[in-house]
Protein backbone atom coordinates (compact mmCIF):
# COMPACT_ATOMS: atom_id res chain seq x y z
CA MET A 1 -49.93 -35.02 -10.72
CA GLN A 2 -52.16 -33.49 -8.10
CA LEU A 3 -54.56 -30.65 -8.83
CA ASN A 4 -52.94 -28.30 -6.30
CA THR A 5 -49.55 -28.79 -7.96
CA ILE A 6 -51.01 -27.90 -11.35
CA LEU A 7 -52.84 -24.83 -10.04
CA GLY A 8 -49.90 -23.72 -7.87
CA PHE A 9 -51.58 -23.57 -4.48
CA SER A 10 -52.25 -25.84 -1.53
CA MET A 11 -54.03 -25.79 1.80
CA PRO A 12 -52.31 -23.81 4.54
CA GLY A 13 -50.11 -25.73 6.98
CA GLY A 14 -49.40 -25.14 10.67
CA THR A 15 -47.44 -21.90 10.39
CA GLU A 16 -49.87 -20.39 7.91
CA TRP A 17 -52.82 -21.10 10.21
CA ILE A 18 -51.08 -19.34 13.09
CA LEU A 19 -50.48 -16.28 10.91
CA ILE A 20 -54.08 -16.35 9.67
CA LEU A 21 -55.41 -16.55 13.23
CA ILE A 22 -53.25 -13.58 14.27
CA PHE A 23 -53.58 -11.27 11.28
CA LEU A 24 -57.18 -11.88 10.21
CA PRO A 25 -58.66 -10.43 13.43
CA LEU A 26 -56.24 -7.47 13.20
CA PHE A 27 -57.28 -6.86 9.60
CA ILE A 28 -60.97 -6.98 10.54
CA TRP A 29 -60.33 -4.58 13.46
CA TRP A 30 -58.48 -2.25 11.03
CA ILE A 31 -61.42 -2.24 8.59
CA ILE A 32 -63.92 -1.59 11.42
CA THR A 33 -61.79 1.32 12.66
CA ILE A 34 -61.67 2.86 9.17
CA ILE A 35 -65.46 2.61 8.95
CA GLN A 36 -65.86 4.16 12.43
CA ILE A 37 -63.60 7.08 11.51
CA ALA A 38 -65.40 7.62 8.19
CA ARG A 39 -68.82 7.63 9.88
CA GLY A 40 -67.76 9.56 12.99
CA ARG A 41 -67.99 13.26 13.64
CA PHE A 42 -64.88 15.08 14.82
CA GLU A 43 -64.39 18.57 16.23
CA GLY A 44 -61.82 19.84 13.72
CA ASP A 45 -62.44 20.29 10.01
CA ASN A 46 -59.57 18.11 8.84
CA THR A 47 -59.35 15.77 11.82
CA LYS A 48 -61.29 12.98 10.13
CA LEU A 49 -59.14 13.16 7.00
CA VAL A 50 -55.90 13.15 8.99
CA TRP A 51 -56.93 10.11 11.06
CA LEU A 52 -58.14 8.25 7.97
CA LEU A 53 -54.79 8.86 6.26
CA ILE A 54 -52.82 7.79 9.34
CA VAL A 55 -54.77 4.54 9.71
CA LEU A 56 -54.80 3.79 5.97
CA LEU A 57 -51.12 4.54 5.33
CA LEU A 58 -49.63 3.05 8.49
CA GLY A 59 -51.83 -0.03 8.65
CA ILE A 60 -51.79 -1.86 11.97
CA LEU A 61 -49.39 0.70 13.47
CA GLY A 62 -51.79 3.50 12.48
CA LEU A 63 -54.64 1.54 14.06
CA LEU A 64 -52.76 1.25 17.34
CA ILE A 65 -51.81 4.95 17.28
CA TYR A 66 -55.46 5.91 16.71
CA LYS A 67 -56.74 3.63 19.48
CA VAL A 68 -54.18 4.94 21.99
CA ALA A 69 -53.84 8.63 21.11
CA GLY A 70 -56.69 9.43 18.75
CA PRO A 71 -59.58 11.67 19.59
CA LYS A 72 -62.89 10.03 20.19
CA PRO A 73 -65.62 10.84 17.65
CA VAL A 74 -68.07 13.49 18.83
CA ARG A 75 -71.47 12.02 19.63
CA GLU A 76 -74.56 13.74 18.38
C-alpha cells in the first residue's frame, strides 16, 4: 500500500492544476481587495461596511462588482 492511499490524498493531476492556476490568483486578488477596503477611507459612514459585506458574502462576484461599480477609496 502506498502512503497517499493510507492518508487519503494524492498530488493534483492535470485538471486540478488548471483549477489551481485559475482560482488561486482570484483568491489572492479577493484577499487584497478586502484588505484595501478595510484600510481605505470612504465618503459615507457605512460605505466601507457595505462594500466589505458585498465582497465577503458574494466572493468573486462581489469582487468583480466592487472593481466595476464600487467607489474608489478617498485619498488623504
